[in-house]
Amino acid sequence: MPETLEVREIRKRVDVPGYRVKELVVVTTLLDAAEYSSEDITDLYHERWQVELDIRAIKTTLKMDELRCLTPFLVEKEIWVPMLGYNLIRKVAAAAALLRGVVPRAVSFAASQQVVLGSWSRLTEGTADEQQRLGRELLRVLGKEEVGDRPGRCEPRALKRRPKKQKLLMKPRAEARAELLAGRGKEGHG
């Protein structure tokens, strides 16, 4: 690791209603301003928002906001299986977008997931010709499920529903269950 590192600081004023950031500061090691313009770098930083949307889709739509497995082997599976599903759904959305003549990000991820899950059994039954016909029809319909263009959208950064106030399970489930059952026996004899 070098003792010093030369960086370039780029500042851009943000005048978009609803955005929390009023001034964006990007620090980069891309020093050549002729090759990497300030505008290109700040645009690239803005485009990274798509990554944030992907992560949100993976965490919420695919219910990966909390990992439950305890061993490294199972945690790896718990991560990889939804990633494969995510890529499958994005591929379906991209195919629908291609048929419709729009960019893949314009097709709703949630709608694509619903179509894939809802049509899975029908797509695996029937002849190859029927499967292809149904697949094309589903892609045609799905291509109409576009993500809304919501310029100036402003949403509060707060939870609408609060989690229920329940105690956390701090011991093995079997042990807690045994304690509950032991307590019921005492109550019934008193």
C-alpha atoms as a PDB file:
ATOM      1  CA  MET A   1       0.000   0.000   0.000  1.00  0.00           C
ATOM      2  CA  PRO A   2       1.528   3.362  -0.974  1.00  0.00           C
ATOM      3  CA  GLU A   3       2.063   5.984   1.710  1.00  0.00           C
ATOM      4  CA  THR A   4       0.151   8.544  -0.346  1.00  0.00           C
ATOM      5  CA  LEU A   5      -2.438   8.299  -3.060  1.00  0.00           C
ATOM      6  CA  GLU A   6      -3.270  11.000  -5.554  1.00  0.00           C
ATOM      7  CA  VAL A   7      -7.010  11.478  -6.030  1.00  0.00           C
ATOM      8  CA  ARG A   8      -9.326  13.806  -7.875  1.00  0.00           C
ATOM      9  CA  GLU A   9     -12.304  15.394  -6.142  1.00  0.00           C
ATOM     10  CA  ILE A  10     -15.392  16.202  -8.184  1.00  0.00           C
ATOM     11  CA  ARG A  11     -18.261  18.265  -6.783  1.00  0.00           C
ATOM     12  CA  LYS A  12     -21.680  18.487  -8.382  1.00  0.00           C
ATOM     13  CA  ARG A  13     -24.692  20.401  -7.144  1.00  0.00           C
ATOM     14  CA  VAL A  14     -27.881  18.287  -7.036  1.00  0.00           C
ATOM     15  CA  ASP A  15     -31.101  20.214  -7.637  1.00  0.00           C
ATOM     16  CA  VAL A  16     -33.547  17.323  -7.853  1.00  0.00           C
ATOM     17  CA  PRO A  17     -36.631  17.573  -5.601  1.00  0.00           C
ATOM     18  CA  GLY A  18     -36.867  14.627  -3.217  1.00  0.00           C
ATOM     19  CA  TYR A  19     -33.140  13.824  -3.278  1.00  0.00           C
ATOM     20  CA  ARG A  20     -31.514  13.943   0.128  1.00  0.00           C
ATOM     21  CA  VAL A  21     -28.150  14.926  -1.318  1.00  0.00           C
ATOM     22  CA  LYS A  22     -27.770  18.590  -2.251  1.00  0.00           C
ATOM     23  CA  GLU A  23     -24.125  18.348  -3.248  1.00  0.00           C
ATOM     24  CA  LEU A  24     -22.434  15.215  -4.541  1.00  0.00           C
ATOM     25  CA  VAL A  25     -18.735  14.753  -3.893  1.00  0.00           C
ATOM     26  CA  VAL A  26     -17.027  11.956  -5.807  1.00  0.00           C
ATOM     27  CA  VAL A  27     -13.402  11.086  -5.106  1.00  0.00           C
ATOM     28  CA  THR A  28     -11.661   9.052  -7.786  1.00  0.00           C
ATOM     29  CA  THR A  29      -8.250   7.853  -8.852  1.00  0.00           C
ATOM     30  CA  LEU A  30      -9.211   8.578 -12.485  1.00  0.00           C
ATOM     31  CA  LEU A  31      -7.033  11.684 -12.694  1.00  0.00           C
ATOM     32  CA  ASP A  32      -7.097  12.451 -16.418  1.00  0.00           C
ATOM     33  CA  ALA A  33      -9.908  15.006 -16.756  1.00  0.00           C
ATOM     34  CA  ALA A  34      -9.658  14.952 -20.550  1.00  0.00           C
ATOM     35  CA  GLU A  35     -10.258  11.193 -20.692  1.00  0.00           C
ATOM     36  CA  TYR A  36     -12.684  11.008 -17.734  1.00  0.00           C
ATOM     37  CA  SER A  37     -14.841  14.121 -17.637  1.00  0.00           C
ATOM     38  CA  SER A  38     -16.482  15.239 -14.415  1.00  0.00           C
ATOM     39  CA  GLU A  39     -19.871  14.796 -16.073  1.00  0.00           C
ATOM     40  CA  ASP A  40     -19.104  11.196 -17.096  1.00  0.00           C
ATOM     41  CA  ILE A  41     -17.936  10.279 -13.596  1.00  0.00           C
ATOM     42  CA  THR A  42     -20.943  11.830 -11.847  1.00  0.00           C
ATOM     43  CA  ASP A  43     -23.284  10.203 -14.391  1.00  0.00           C
ATOM     44  CA  LEU A  44     -21.636   6.858 -13.710  1.00  0.00           C
ATOM     45  CA  TYR A  45     -22.080   7.402  -9.983  1.00  0.00           C
ATOM     46  CA  HIS A  46     -25.759   8.189 -10.575  1.00  0.00           C
ATOM     47  CA  GLU A  47     -26.155   5.010 -12.643  1.00  0.00           C
ATOM     48  CA  ARG A  48     -24.983   2.962  -9.691  1.00  0.00           C
ATOM     49  CA  TRP A  49     -28.504   3.512  -8.380  1.00  0.00           C
ATOM     50  CA  GLN A  50     -29.531   0.535 -10.514  1.00  0.00           C
ATOM     51  CA  VAL A  51     -27.289  -1.621  -8.329  1.00  0.00           C
ATOM     52  CA  GLU A  52     -29.132  -0.323  -5.265  1.00  0.00           C
ATOM     53  CA  LEU A  53     -32.453  -1.282  -6.882  1.00  0.00           C
ATOM     54  CA  ASP A  54     -31.112  -4.746  -7.690  1.00  0.00           C
ATOM     55  CA  ILE A  55     -29.983  -5.268  -4.112  1.00  0.00           C
ATOM     56  CA  ARG A  56     -33.384  -4.101  -2.849  1.00  0.00           C
ATOM     57  CA  ALA A  57     -35.144  -6.515  -5.227  1.00  0.00           C
ATOM     58  CA  ILE A  58     -32.958  -9.366  -4.061  1.00  0.00           C
ATOM     59  CA  LYS A  59     -33.471  -8.559  -0.389  1.00  0.00           C
ATOM     60  CA  THR A  60     -37.187  -7.800  -0.405  1.00  0.00           C
ATOM     61  CA  THR A  61     -38.824  -9.434  -3.406  1.00  0.00           C
ATOM     62  CA  LEU A  62     -36.780 -12.613  -3.056  1.00  0.00           C
ATOM     63  CA  LYS A  63     -36.962 -12.433   0.760  1.00  0.00           C
ATOM     64  CA  MET A  64     -33.222 -12.444   1.386  1.00  0.00           C
ATOM     65  CA  ASP A  65     -33.219  -9.625   3.907  1.00  0.00           C
ATOM     66  CA  GLU A  66     -32.362 -12.105   6.661  1.00  0.00           C
ATOM     67  CA  LEU A  67     -30.189 -15.190   6.314  1.00  0.00           C
ATOM     68  CA  ARG A  68     -31.238 -18.061   8.549  1.00  0.00           C
ATOM     69  CA  CYS A  69     -28.698 -20.820   7.964  1.00  0.00           C
ATOM     70  CA  LEU A  70     -25.859 -21.292  10.426  1.00  0.00           C
ATOM     71  CA  THR A  71     -23.208 -23.327   8.609  1.00  0.00           C
ATOM     72  CA  PRO A  72     -21.044 -21.827   5.858  1.00  0.00           C
ATOM     73  CA  PHE A  73     -22.154 -24.539   3.407  1.00  0.00           C
ATOM     74  CA  LEU A  74     -25.857 -23.796   3.908  1.00  0.00           C
ATOM     75  CA  VAL A  75     -25.348 -20.007   3.958  1.00  0.00           C
ATOM     76  CA  GLU A  76     -23.657 -20.342   0.566  1.00  0.00           C
ATOM     77  CA  LYS A  77     -26.679 -22.255  -0.747  1.00  0.00           C
ATOM     78  CA  GLU A  78     -29.044 -19.751   0.856  1.00  0.00           C
ATOM     79  CA  ILE A  79     -27.322 -16.996  -1.122  1.00  0.00           C
ATOM     80  CA  TRP A  80     -26.730 -18.793  -4.448  1.00  0.00           C
ATOM     81  CA  VAL A  81     -30.202 -20.227  -5.013  1.00  0.00           C
ATOM     82  CA  PRO A  82     -31.962 -16.825  -4.936  1.00  0.00           C
ATOM     83  CA  MET A  83     -29.151 -15.369  -7.095  1.00  0.00           C
ATOM     84  CA  LEU A  84     -29.842 -18.012  -9.725  1.00  0.00           C
ATOM     85  CA  GLY A  85     -33.559 -17.232  -9.460  1.00  0.00           C
ATOM     86  CA  TYR A  86     -32.849 -13.508  -9.725  1.00  0.00           C
ATOM     87  CA  ASN A  87     -30.824 -14.031 -12.907  1.00  0.00           C
ATOM     88  CA  LEU A  88     -33.555 -16.239 -14.375  1.00  0.00           C
ATOM     89  CA  ILE A  89     -36.189 -13.579 -13.689  1.00  0.00           C
ATOM     90  CA  ARG A  90     -33.975 -10.821 -15.137  1.00  0.00           C
ATOM     91  CA  LYS A  91     -33.403 -12.982 -18.249  1.00  0.00           C
ATOM     92  CA  VAL A  92     -37.160 -13.397 -18.700  1.00  0.00           C
ATOM     93  CA  ALA A  93     -37.615  -9.621 -18.274  1.00  0.00           C
ATOM     94  CA  ALA A  94     -34.835  -8.978 -20.818  1.00  0.00           C
ATOM     95  CA  ALA A  95     -36.489 -11.325 -23.335  1.00  0.00           C
ATOM     96  CA  ALA A  96     -39.831  -9.569 -22.813  1.00  0.00           C
ATOM     97  CA  ALA A  97     -38.137  -6.184 -23.255  1.00  0.00           C
ATOM     98  CA  LEU A  98     -36.461  -7.327 -26.465  1.00  0.00           C
ATOM     99  CA  LEU A  99     -39.799  -8.387 -27.937  1.00  0.00           C
ATOM    100  CA  ARG A 100     -41.331  -5.059 -26.916  1.00  0.00           C
ATOM    101  CA  GLY A 101     -38.385  -2.959 -28.093  1.00  0.00           C
ATOM    102  CA  VAL A 102     -37.649  -1.374 -24.698  1.00  0.00           C
ATOM    103  CA  VAL A 103     -34.626  -1.502 -22.405  1.00  0.00           C
ATOM    104  CA  PRO A 104     -34.612  -4.493 -20.023  1.00  0.00           C
ATOM    105  CA  ARG A 105     -34.762  -2.277 -16.923  1.00  0.00           C
ATOM    106  CA  ALA A 106     -38.099  -0.909 -18.149  1.00  0.00           C
ATOM    107  CA  VAL A 107     -39.819  -4.267 -17.440  1.00  0.00           C
ATOM    108  CA  SER A 108     -40.973  -4.724 -13.847  1.00  0.00           C
ATOM    109  CA  PHE A 109     -38.925  -7.207 -11.805  1.00  0.00           C
ATOM    110  CA  ALA A 110     -41.836  -8.009  -9.478  1.00  0.00           C
ATOM    111  CA  ALA A 111     -44.201  -8.606 -12.432  1.00  0.00           C
ATOM    112  CA  SER A 112     -41.576 -10.828 -14.077  1.00  0.00           C
ATOM    113  CA  GLN A 113     -41.246 -12.850 -10.895  1.00  0.00           C
ATOM    114  CA  GLN A 114     -45.023 -13.278 -10.665  1.00  0.00           C
ATOM    115  CA  VAL A 115     -45.226 -14.408 -14.305  1.00  0.00           C
ATOM    116  CA  VAL A 116     -42.406 -16.925 -13.872  1.00  0.00           C
ATOM    117  CA  LEU A 117     -43.876 -18.368 -10.672  1.00  0.00           C
ATOM    118  CA  GLY A 118     -47.457 -18.309 -11.928  1.00  0.00           C
ATOM    119  CA  SER A 119     -46.751 -19.981 -15.244  1.00  0.00           C
ATOM    120  CA  TRP A 120     -44.063 -22.449 -14.213  1.00  0.00           C
ATOM    121  CA  SER A 121     -46.266 -25.542 -14.118  1.00  0.00           C
ATOM    122  CA  ARG A 122     -48.071 -24.653 -17.365  1.00  0.00           C
ATOM    123  CA  LEU A 123     -44.754 -24.069 -19.122  1.00  0.00           C
ATOM    124  CA  THR A 124     -43.497 -27.522 -18.154  1.00  0.00           C
ATOM    125  CA  GLU A 125     -46.590 -29.360 -19.415  1.00  0.00           C
ATOM    126  CA  GLY A 126     -47.766 -29.980 -22.965  1.00  0.00           C
ATOM    127  CA  THR A 127     -45.909 -30.383 -26.203  1.00  0.00           C
ATOM    128  CA  ALA A 128     -42.851 -28.393 -27.182  1.00  0.00           C
ATOM    129  CA  ASP A 129     -44.956 -26.338 -29.622  1.00  0.00           C
ATOM    130  CA  GLU A 130     -47.483 -25.499 -26.871  1.00  0.00           C
ATOM    131  CA  GLN A 131     -44.684 -24.542 -24.490  1.00  0.00           C
ATOM    132  CA  GLN A 132     -43.126 -22.220 -27.072  1.00  0.00           C
ATOM    133  CA  ARG A 133     -46.490 -20.633 -27.914  1.00  0.00           C
ATOM    134  CA  LEU A 134     -47.298 -20.070 -24.229  1.00  0.00           C
ATOM    135  CA  GLY A 135     -43.775 -18.763 -23.562  1.00  0.00           C
ATOM    136  CA  ARG A 136     -44.022 -16.205 -26.387  1.00  0.00           C
ATOM    137  CA  GLU A 137     -47.475 -15.106 -25.198  1.00  0.00           C
ATOM    138  CA  LEU A 138     -46.252 -14.662 -21.622  1.00  0.00           C
ATOM    139  CA  LEU A 139     -43.265 -12.612 -22.812  1.00  0.00           C
ATOM    140  CA  ARG A 140     -45.550 -10.460 -24.978  1.00  0.00           C
ATOM    141  CA  VAL A 141     -47.862  -9.760 -22.029  1.00  0.00           C
ATOM    142  CA  LEU A 142     -44.968  -9.265 -19.616  1.00  0.00           C
ATOM    143  CA  GLY A 143     -43.377  -6.701 -21.929  1.00  0.00           C
ATOM    144  CA  LYS A 144     -46.313  -4.419 -21.156  1.00  0.00           C
ATOM    145  CA  GLU A 145     -45.525  -4.502 -17.420  1.00  0.00           C
ATOM    146  CA  GLU A 146     -43.249  -1.492 -17.481  1.00  0.00           C
ATOM    147  CA  VAL A 147     -41.721   0.190 -14.484  1.00  0.00           C
ATOM    148  CA  GLY A 148     -43.387   3.545 -14.044  1.00  0.00           C
ATOM    149  CA  ASP A 149     -41.468   6.694 -14.875  1.00  0.00           C
ATOM    150  CA  ARG A 150     -41.814   8.698 -11.692  1.00  0.00           C
ATOM    151  CA  PRO A 151     -39.777  11.880 -12.073  1.00  0.00           C
ATOM    152  CA  GLY A 152     -39.492  13.885  -8.890  1.00  0.00           C
ATOM    153  CA  ARG A 153     -40.759  10.987  -6.784  1.00  0.00           C
ATOM    154  CA  CYS A 154     -40.262  11.752  -3.129  1.00  0.00           C
ATOM    155  CA  GLU A 155     -40.769   9.125  -0.431  1.00  0.00           C
ATOM    156  CA  PRO A 156     -40.136   9.406   3.303  1.00  0.00           C
ATOM    157  CA  ARG A 157     -37.331   7.203   4.585  1.00  0.00           C
ATOM    158  CA  ALA A 158     -39.327   5.558   7.355  1.00  0.00           C
ATOM    159  CA  LEU A 159     -40.975   2.247   8.058  1.00  0.00           C
ATOM    160  CA  LYS A 160     -44.746   2.185   7.815  1.00  0.00           C
ATOM    161  CA  ARG A 161     -45.173  -0.993   9.818  1.00  0.00           C
ATOM    162  CA  ARG A 162     -43.186  -1.558  12.930  1.00  0.00           C
ATOM    163  CA  PRO A 163     -42.094  -5.050  13.909  1.00  0.00           C
ATOM    164  CA  LYS A 164     -44.160  -6.770  16.563  1.00  0.00           C
ATOM    165  CA  LYS A 165     -42.731  -6.477  20.044  1.00  0.00           C
ATOM    166  CA  GLN A 166     -41.932 -10.076  20.848  1.00  0.00           C
ATOM    167  CA  LYS A 167     -39.034 -11.481  22.774  1.00  0.00           C
ATOM    168  CA  LEU A 168     -36.175 -12.912  20.774  1.00  0.00           C
ATOM    169  CA  LEU A 169     -35.614 -16.646  21.070  1.00  0.00           C
ATOM    170  CA  MET A 170     -32.310 -16.755  22.956  1.00  0.00           C
ATOM    171  CA  LYS A 171     -32.044 -20.532  23.453  1.00  0.00           C
ATOM    172  CA  PRO A 172     -32.524 -23.594  21.285  1.00  0.00           C
ATOM    173  CA  ARG A 173     -36.127 -23.955  20.128  1.00  0.00           C
ATOM    174  CA  ALA A 174     -36.420 -27.466  21.592  1.00  0.00           C
ATOM    175  CA  GLU A 175     -35.347 -26.184  25.012  1.00  0.00           C
ATOM    176  CA  ALA A 176     -37.822 -23.284  24.921  1.00  0.00           C
ATOM    177  CA  ARG A 177     -40.599 -25.634  23.788  1.00  0.00           C
ATOM    178  CA  ALA A 178     -39.834 -28.042  26.650  1.00  0.00           C
ATOM    179  CA  GLU A 179     -40.044 -25.167  29.153  1.00  0.00           C
ATOM    180  CA  LEU A 180     -43.430 -24.107  27.752  1.00  0.00           C
ATOM    181  CA  LEU A 181     -44.768 -27.649  27.950  1.00  0.00           C
ATOM    182  CA  ALA A 182     -43.452 -28.055  31.526  1.00  0.00           C
ATOM    183  CA  GLY A 183     -45.225 -24.821  32.502  1.00  0.00           C
ATOM    184  CA  ARG A 184     -48.542 -26.048  31.054  1.00  0.00           C
ATOM    185  CA  GLY A 185     -48.386 -29.207  33.135  1.00  0.00           C
ATOM    186  CA  LYS A 186     -48.030 -27.197  36.343  1.00  0.00           C
ATOM    187  CA  GLU A 187     -50.940 -24.905  35.463  1.00  0.00           C
ATOM    188  CA  GLY A 188     -53.226 -27.831  34.696  1.00  0.00           C
ATOM    189  CA  HIS A 189     -52.645 -29.469  38.107  1.00  0.00           C
ATOM    190  CA  GLY A 190     -53.086 -26.353  40.269  1.00  0.00           C
END
